[in-house]
């Protein structure tokens, strides 16, 4: 069976409880806050959104003036994202691709092509043993000095096990990204929906420059 079939079935049956059906509130707050400029993100930067789903957050990034590429492995999610972008008048500056993020970095087209990666519920949807492959793929796609910006969820003590979303901890984030990205900061998420309050937080990691690297943690 293709790895995306379960996700495809969920989208087709509209059983997608992870989808807030709106732009992520903490992202809206962050884009208004001015913090991206403080972290060195240039105006008009190229942003990659892996696991973009129906693409609600793509609209927020584009409205803020960024060039945006969303990717998702699920064909129905990509179809709906494109349709919603058209419906909302986002014809330029946004692209949605049906791709597997774990292999995308091997394409020359995407090599060091992005200033920033925004992740919300992509990392937690991956089986834990795939997290290292995810970070390595992003390391190929993010330019030196570029950022991985993760609204990490679920930061929960228990209750997450054999199916996504898989529990994450700050130590997990360091273990996943520490070889290729240095820690910039982590800050509270403002505006989280009620059921996610206290269980998600912003983590900012900067891609090492050319010639810089670090041994894998641990």
C-alpha atoms as a PDB file:
ATOM      1  CA  UNK A   1       0.000   0.000   0.000  1.00  0.00           C
ATOM      2  CA  UNK A   2       1.259   3.491  -0.777  1.00  0.00           C
ATOM      3  CA  UNK A   3       2.340   5.313   2.405  1.00  0.00           C
ATOM      4  CA  UNK A   4      -0.094   8.163   1.865  1.00  0.00           C
ATOM      5  CA  UNK A   5      -3.222   6.048   1.392  1.00  0.00           C
ATOM      6  CA  UNK A   6      -4.444   6.345   4.980  1.00  0.00           C
ATOM      7  CA  UNK A   7      -4.017  10.129   4.871  1.00  0.00           C
ATOM      8  CA  UNK A   8      -5.719  10.220   1.473  1.00  0.00           C
ATOM      9  CA  UNK A   9      -8.713   8.336   2.840  1.00  0.00           C
ATOM     10  CA  UNK A  10      -8.946  10.718   5.793  1.00  0.00           C
ATOM     11  CA  UNK A  11      -9.063  13.754   3.499  1.00  0.00           C
ATOM     12  CA  UNK A  12     -11.592  12.158   1.189  1.00  0.00           C
ATOM     13  CA  UNK A  13     -13.859  11.285   4.131  1.00  0.00           C
ATOM     14  CA  UNK A  14     -13.296  14.745   5.717  1.00  0.00           C
ATOM     15  CA  UNK A  15     -11.975  13.099   8.899  1.00  0.00           C
ATOM     16  CA  UNK A  16      -9.184  15.597   9.517  1.00  0.00           C
ATOM     17  CA  UNK A  17      -9.406  16.789  13.137  1.00  0.00           C
ATOM     18  CA  UNK A  18      -5.899  18.275  12.974  1.00  0.00           C
ATOM     19  CA  UNK A  19      -7.135  20.821  10.411  1.00  0.00           C
ATOM     20  CA  UNK A  20      -8.236  24.004  12.201  1.00  0.00           C
ATOM     21  CA  UNK A  21     -10.022  25.104   8.987  1.00  0.00           C
ATOM     22  CA  UNK A  22      -8.415  28.508   9.325  1.00  0.00           C
ATOM     23  CA  UNK A  23      -5.003  30.128   9.444  1.00  0.00           C
ATOM     24  CA  UNK A  24      -3.117  28.986  12.539  1.00  0.00           C
ATOM     25  CA  UNK A  25      -3.725  31.691  15.194  1.00  0.00           C
ATOM     26  CA  UNK A  26      -0.167  31.708  16.645  1.00  0.00           C
ATOM     27  CA  UNK A  27       1.175  32.179  13.111  1.00  0.00           C
ATOM     28  CA  UNK A  28      -1.085  35.174  12.553  1.00  0.00           C
ATOM     29  CA  UNK A  29       0.195  36.681  15.796  1.00  0.00           C
ATOM     30  CA  UNK A  30       3.830  35.972  14.916  1.00  0.00           C
ATOM     31  CA  UNK A  31       3.554  37.543  11.462  1.00  0.00           C
ATOM     32  CA  UNK A  32       2.192  40.734  13.066  1.00  0.00           C
ATOM     33  CA  UNK A  33       4.796  40.809  15.834  1.00  0.00           C
ATOM     34  CA  UNK A  34       7.900  41.821  13.875  1.00  0.00           C
ATOM     35  CA  UNK A  35       9.919  38.948  15.297  1.00  0.00           C
ATOM     36  CA  UNK A  36      10.766  37.492  11.895  1.00  0.00           C
ATOM     37  CA  UNK A  37      12.768  40.613  11.048  1.00  0.00           C
ATOM     38  CA  UNK A  38      14.463  40.370  14.443  1.00  0.00           C
ATOM     39  CA  UNK A  39      15.529  36.836  13.513  1.00  0.00           C
ATOM     40  CA  UNK A  40      16.975  38.053  10.208  1.00  0.00           C
ATOM     41  CA  UNK A  41      14.258  36.897   7.817  1.00  0.00           C
ATOM     42  CA  UNK A  42      14.393  39.235   4.785  1.00  0.00           C
ATOM     43  CA  UNK A  43      11.329  40.806   3.207  1.00  0.00           C
ATOM     44  CA  UNK A  44       9.970  38.706   0.374  1.00  0.00           C
ATOM     45  CA  UNK A  45      11.849  35.627   1.608  1.00  0.00           C
ATOM     46  CA  UNK A  46      11.121  32.234   0.060  1.00  0.00           C
ATOM     47  CA  UNK A  47       9.213  30.057   2.526  1.00  0.00           C
ATOM     48  CA  UNK A  48       8.665  26.297   2.394  1.00  0.00           C
ATOM     49  CA  UNK A  49       5.698  24.772   4.244  1.00  0.00           C
ATOM     50  CA  UNK A  50       5.997  20.965   4.453  1.00  0.00           C
ATOM     51  CA  UNK A  51       2.838  19.027   5.212  1.00  0.00           C
ATOM     52  CA  UNK A  52       0.780  22.049   4.198  1.00  0.00           C
ATOM     53  CA  UNK A  53      -2.542  20.173   4.129  1.00  0.00           C
ATOM     54  CA  UNK A  54      -5.352  22.367   2.813  1.00  0.00           C
ATOM     55  CA  UNK A  55      -2.969  25.313   2.715  1.00  0.00           C
ATOM     56  CA  UNK A  56      -4.575  27.735   5.151  1.00  0.00           C
ATOM     57  CA  UNK A  57      -1.186  28.939   6.391  1.00  0.00           C
ATOM     58  CA  UNK A  58       0.102  29.446   2.851  1.00  0.00           C
ATOM     59  CA  UNK A  59      -2.322  32.339   2.546  1.00  0.00           C
ATOM     60  CA  UNK A  60      -0.977  33.972   5.706  1.00  0.00           C
ATOM     61  CA  UNK A  61       2.614  33.822   4.480  1.00  0.00           C
ATOM     62  CA  UNK A  62       1.709  35.149   1.048  1.00  0.00           C
ATOM     63  CA  UNK A  63      -0.423  37.950   2.485  1.00  0.00           C
ATOM     64  CA  UNK A  64       2.624  38.969   4.550  1.00  0.00           C
ATOM     65  CA  UNK A  65       4.628  39.376   1.335  1.00  0.00           C
ATOM     66  CA  UNK A  66       6.580  36.122   1.179  1.00  0.00           C
ATOM     67  CA  UNK A  67       7.090  33.755  -1.751  1.00  0.00           C
ATOM     68  CA  UNK A  68       5.586  30.450  -0.639  1.00  0.00           C
ATOM     69  CA  UNK A  69       5.882  26.794  -1.636  1.00  0.00           C
ATOM     70  CA  UNK A  70       3.647  24.272   0.113  1.00  0.00           C
ATOM     71  CA  UNK A  71       4.179  20.541  -0.203  1.00  0.00           C
ATOM     72  CA  UNK A  72       2.109  17.595   0.885  1.00  0.00           C
ATOM     73  CA  UNK A  73       2.312  13.892   0.134  1.00  0.00           C
ATOM     74  CA  UNK A  74      -1.493  13.538  -0.018  1.00  0.00           C
ATOM     75  CA  UNK A  75      -3.009  14.205  -3.461  1.00  0.00           C
ATOM     76  CA  UNK A  76      -6.423  15.210  -2.098  1.00  0.00           C
ATOM     77  CA  UNK A  77      -4.853  17.698   0.328  1.00  0.00           C
ATOM     78  CA  UNK A  78      -2.927  19.288  -2.550  1.00  0.00           C
ATOM     79  CA  UNK A  79      -6.045  19.449  -4.720  1.00  0.00           C
ATOM     80  CA  UNK A  80      -8.019  21.158  -1.954  1.00  0.00           C
ATOM     81  CA  UNK A  81      -5.162  23.547  -1.121  1.00  0.00           C
ATOM     82  CA  UNK A  82      -4.936  24.690  -4.737  1.00  0.00           C
ATOM     83  CA  UNK A  83      -8.705  25.125  -4.929  1.00  0.00           C
ATOM     84  CA  UNK A  84      -8.809  27.197  -1.716  1.00  0.00           C
ATOM     85  CA  UNK A  85      -5.968  29.398  -2.937  1.00  0.00           C
ATOM     86  CA  UNK A  86      -7.864  30.094  -6.171  1.00  0.00           C
ATOM     87  CA  UNK A  87     -11.089  30.718  -4.267  1.00  0.00           C
ATOM     88  CA  UNK A  88      -9.342  33.281  -2.054  1.00  0.00           C
ATOM     89  CA  UNK A  89      -7.633  35.052  -4.935  1.00  0.00           C
ATOM     90  CA  UNK A  90      -4.078  33.841  -4.360  1.00  0.00           C
ATOM     91  CA  UNK A  91      -3.006  33.256  -7.945  1.00  0.00           C
ATOM     92  CA  UNK A  92       0.611  34.460  -7.735  1.00  0.00           C
ATOM     93  CA  UNK A  93       3.492  33.864  -5.360  1.00  0.00           C
ATOM     94  CA  UNK A  94       2.179  30.553  -4.006  1.00  0.00           C
ATOM     95  CA  UNK A  95       2.879  27.078  -5.345  1.00  0.00           C
ATOM     96  CA  UNK A  96       1.582  23.756  -4.000  1.00  0.00           C
ATOM     97  CA  UNK A  97       3.395  20.537  -4.890  1.00  0.00           C
ATOM     98  CA  UNK A  98       2.451  16.917  -4.287  1.00  0.00           C
ATOM     99  CA  UNK A  99       5.778  15.623  -3.002  1.00  0.00           C
ATOM    100  CA  UNK A 100       7.364  13.624  -0.190  1.00  0.00           C
ATOM    101  CA  UNK A 101       9.428  16.029   1.923  1.00  0.00           C
ATOM    102  CA  UNK A 102      11.917  13.275   2.734  1.00  0.00           C
ATOM    103  CA  UNK A 103      13.066  13.148  -0.893  1.00  0.00           C
ATOM    104  CA  UNK A 104      12.513  16.716  -1.996  1.00  0.00           C
ATOM    105  CA  UNK A 105      15.951  17.973  -0.981  1.00  0.00           C
ATOM    106  CA  UNK A 106      17.663  15.696  -3.490  1.00  0.00           C
ATOM    107  CA  UNK A 107      16.323  17.803  -6.361  1.00  0.00           C
ATOM    108  CA  UNK A 108      18.639  20.557  -7.593  1.00  0.00           C
ATOM    109  CA  UNK A 109      15.589  22.794  -7.937  1.00  0.00           C
ATOM    110  CA  UNK A 110      15.130  22.785  -4.169  1.00  0.00           C
ATOM    111  CA  UNK A 111      18.767  22.723  -3.067  1.00  0.00           C
ATOM    112  CA  UNK A 112      19.452  25.725  -0.775  1.00  0.00           C
ATOM    113  CA  UNK A 113      16.339  27.287  -2.298  1.00  0.00           C
ATOM    114  CA  UNK A 114      14.554  28.469   0.853  1.00  0.00           C
ATOM    115  CA  UNK A 115      15.164  31.188   3.413  1.00  0.00           C
ATOM    116  CA  UNK A 116      12.749  29.679   5.920  1.00  0.00           C
ATOM    117  CA  UNK A 117      10.840  26.469   6.582  1.00  0.00           C
ATOM    118  CA  UNK A 118       7.630  26.730   8.585  1.00  0.00           C
ATOM    119  CA  UNK A 119       6.496  23.499  10.235  1.00  0.00           C
ATOM    120  CA  UNK A 120       3.238  22.952  12.046  1.00  0.00           C
ATOM    121  CA  UNK A 121       2.081  19.353  12.517  1.00  0.00           C
ATOM    122  CA  UNK A 122       4.431  17.931   9.874  1.00  0.00           C
ATOM    123  CA  UNK A 123       7.209  16.802  12.208  1.00  0.00           C
ATOM    124  CA  UNK A 124       4.741  15.297  14.675  1.00  0.00           C
ATOM    125  CA  UNK A 125       3.053  13.358  11.866  1.00  0.00           C
ATOM    126  CA  UNK A 126       6.250  11.482  11.005  1.00  0.00           C
ATOM    127  CA  UNK A 127       7.160   8.199  12.622  1.00  0.00           C
ATOM    128  CA  UNK A 128       9.942   9.042  15.110  1.00  0.00           C
ATOM    129  CA  UNK A 129      12.500   6.951  13.196  1.00  0.00           C
ATOM    130  CA  UNK A 130      11.986   9.237  10.157  1.00  0.00           C
ATOM    131  CA  UNK A 131      12.776  12.484  11.967  1.00  0.00           C
ATOM    132  CA  UNK A 132      16.478  12.378  11.128  1.00  0.00           C
ATOM    133  CA  UNK A 133      15.713  11.946   7.417  1.00  0.00           C
ATOM    134  CA  UNK A 134      13.359  14.921   7.638  1.00  0.00           C
ATOM    135  CA  UNK A 135      16.012  17.164   9.182  1.00  0.00           C
ATOM    136  CA  UNK A 136      18.613  16.049   6.638  1.00  0.00           C
ATOM    137  CA  UNK A 137      16.234  16.828   3.767  1.00  0.00           C
ATOM    138  CA  UNK A 138      15.515  20.291   5.145  1.00  0.00           C
ATOM    139  CA  UNK A 139      19.235  20.914   5.681  1.00  0.00           C
ATOM    140  CA  UNK A 140      19.714  20.463   1.940  1.00  0.00           C
ATOM    141  CA  UNK A 141      16.867  22.814   1.107  1.00  0.00           C
ATOM    142  CA  UNK A 142      17.517  25.696   3.526  1.00  0.00           C
ATOM    143  CA  UNK A 143      20.218  28.159   2.515  1.00  0.00           C
ATOM    144  CA  UNK A 144      23.105  28.701   4.963  1.00  0.00           C
ATOM    145  CA  UNK A 145      21.842  31.096   7.605  1.00  0.00           C
ATOM    146  CA  UNK A 146      18.213  30.292   6.837  1.00  0.00           C
ATOM    147  CA  UNK A 147      15.714  29.224   9.487  1.00  0.00           C
ATOM    148  CA  UNK A 148      13.597  26.281  10.505  1.00  0.00           C
ATOM    149  CA  UNK A 149      10.614  27.762  12.329  1.00  0.00           C
ATOM    150  CA  UNK A 150       8.571  25.131  14.097  1.00  0.00           C
ATOM    151  CA  UNK A 151       5.360  25.553  16.035  1.00  0.00           C
ATOM    152  CA  UNK A 152       6.090  22.307  17.831  1.00  0.00           C
ATOM    153  CA  UNK A 153       3.091  20.227  18.894  1.00  0.00           C
ATOM    154  CA  UNK A 154       2.268  18.183  20.930  1.00  0.00           C
ATOM    155  CA  UNK A 155       4.510  19.090  23.849  1.00  0.00           C
ATOM    156  CA  UNK A 156       2.487  16.787  26.065  1.00  0.00           C
ATOM    157  CA  UNK A 157       3.440  14.597  29.021  1.00  0.00           C
ATOM    158  CA  UNK A 158       1.465  11.568  27.890  1.00  0.00           C
ATOM    159  CA  UNK A 159      -1.418  10.344  25.805  1.00  0.00           C
ATOM    160  CA  UNK A 160       0.330  10.117  22.446  1.00  0.00           C
ATOM    161  CA  UNK A 161       1.579   6.790  21.218  1.00  0.00           C
ATOM    162  CA  UNK A 162       1.288   4.612  18.155  1.00  0.00           C
ATOM    163  CA  UNK A 163      -0.386   7.055  15.759  1.00  0.00           C
ATOM    164  CA  UNK A 164       0.178  10.702  14.867  1.00  0.00           C
ATOM    165  CA  UNK A 165       0.523  13.220  16.313  1.00  0.00           C
ATOM    166  CA  UNK A 166       3.593  11.778  17.998  1.00  0.00           C
ATOM    167  CA  UNK A 167       4.715  13.438  21.217  1.00  0.00           C
ATOM    168  CA  UNK A 168       7.704  15.800  21.008  1.00  0.00           C
ATOM    169  CA  UNK A 169       9.968  17.349  23.628  1.00  0.00           C
ATOM    170  CA  UNK A 170      12.583  20.135  23.476  1.00  0.00           C
ATOM    171  CA  UNK A 171      15.231  17.398  23.691  1.00  0.00           C
ATOM    172  CA  UNK A 172      13.681  15.737  20.634  1.00  0.00           C
ATOM    173  CA  UNK A 173      13.956  18.987  18.680  1.00  0.00           C
ATOM    174  CA  UNK A 174      17.644  19.297  19.562  1.00  0.00           C
ATOM    175  CA  UNK A 175      18.294  15.653  18.709  1.00  0.00           C
ATOM    176  CA  UNK A 176      16.598  16.017  15.327  1.00  0.00           C
ATOM    177  CA  UNK A 177      18.100  19.326  14.200  1.00  0.00           C
ATOM    178  CA  UNK A 178      21.308  19.769  16.196  1.00  0.00           C
ATOM    179  CA  UNK A 179      23.624  18.392  13.521  1.00  0.00           C
ATOM    180  CA  UNK A 180      22.606  20.937  10.878  1.00  0.00           C
ATOM    181  CA  UNK A 181      20.880  23.793  12.716  1.00  0.00           C
ATOM    182  CA  UNK A 182      21.881  25.882  15.721  1.00  0.00           C
ATOM    183  CA  UNK A 183      19.386  26.970  18.360  1.00  0.00           C
ATOM    184  CA  UNK A 184      18.250  30.578  18.066  1.00  0.00           C
ATOM    185  CA  UNK A 185      15.415  30.702  20.573  1.00  0.00           C
ATOM    186  CA  UNK A 186      12.167  29.131  21.673  1.00  0.00           C
ATOM    187  CA  UNK A 187       9.221  31.259  22.710  1.00  0.00           C
ATOM    188  CA  UNK A 188       5.658  30.861  23.883  1.00  0.00           C
ATOM    189  CA  UNK A 189       2.941  30.433  21.289  1.00  0.00           C
ATOM    190  CA  UNK A 190       0.357  33.207  21.592  1.00  0.00           C
ATOM    191  CA  UNK A 191      -3.239  32.579  20.567  1.00  0.00           C
ATOM    192  CA  UNK A 192      -3.285  28.781  20.482  1.00  0.00           C
ATOM    193  CA  UNK A 193      -6.719  27.220  20.153  1.00  0.00           C
ATOM    194  CA  UNK A 194      -8.093  26.059  23.490  1.00  0.00           C
ATOM    195  CA  UNK A 195      -7.334  22.357  23.153  1.00  0.00           C
ATOM    196  CA  UNK A 196      -3.694  23.062  22.214  1.00  0.00           C
ATOM    197  CA  UNK A 197      -2.899  25.740  24.789  1.00  0.00           C
ATOM    198  CA  UNK A 198       0.167  24.772  26.792  1.00  0.00           C
ATOM    199  CA  UNK A 199       1.018  21.986  24.346  1.00  0.00           C
ATOM    200  CA  UNK A 200       2.740  23.951  21.569  1.00  0.00           C
ATOM    201  CA  UNK A 201       5.682  26.333  21.427  1.00  0.00           C
ATOM    202  CA  UNK A 202       7.778  28.120  18.804  1.00  0.00           C
ATOM    203  CA  UNK A 203      11.279  26.743  18.184  1.00  0.00           C
ATOM    204  CA  UNK A 204      13.682  28.648  15.922  1.00  0.00           C
ATOM    205  CA  UNK A 205      16.773  26.969  14.481  1.00  0.00           C
ATOM    206  CA  UNK A 206      19.325  28.519  12.087  1.00  0.00           C
ATOM    207  CA  UNK A 207      21.055  26.528   9.342  1.00  0.00           C
ATOM    208  CA  UNK A 208      24.795  26.353   9.872  1.00  0.00           C
ATOM    209  CA  UNK A 209      26.893  28.263   7.358  1.00  0.00           C
ATOM    210  CA  UNK A 210      29.075  26.722   4.673  1.00  0.00           C
ATOM    211  CA  UNK A 211      31.771  24.608   6.315  1.00  0.00           C
ATOM    212  CA  UNK A 212      29.992  24.579   9.664  1.00  0.00           C
ATOM    213  CA  UNK A 213      28.483  21.426  11.130  1.00  0.00           C
ATOM    214  CA  UNK A 214      28.261  19.486  14.315  1.00  0.00           C
ATOM    215  CA  UNK A 215      28.339  15.851  15.239  1.00  0.00           C
ATOM    216  CA  UNK A 216      24.944  14.296  15.827  1.00  0.00           C
ATOM    217  CA  UNK A 217      23.814  14.846  19.438  1.00  0.00           C
ATOM    218  CA  UNK A 218      24.195  12.044  21.896  1.00  0.00           C
END
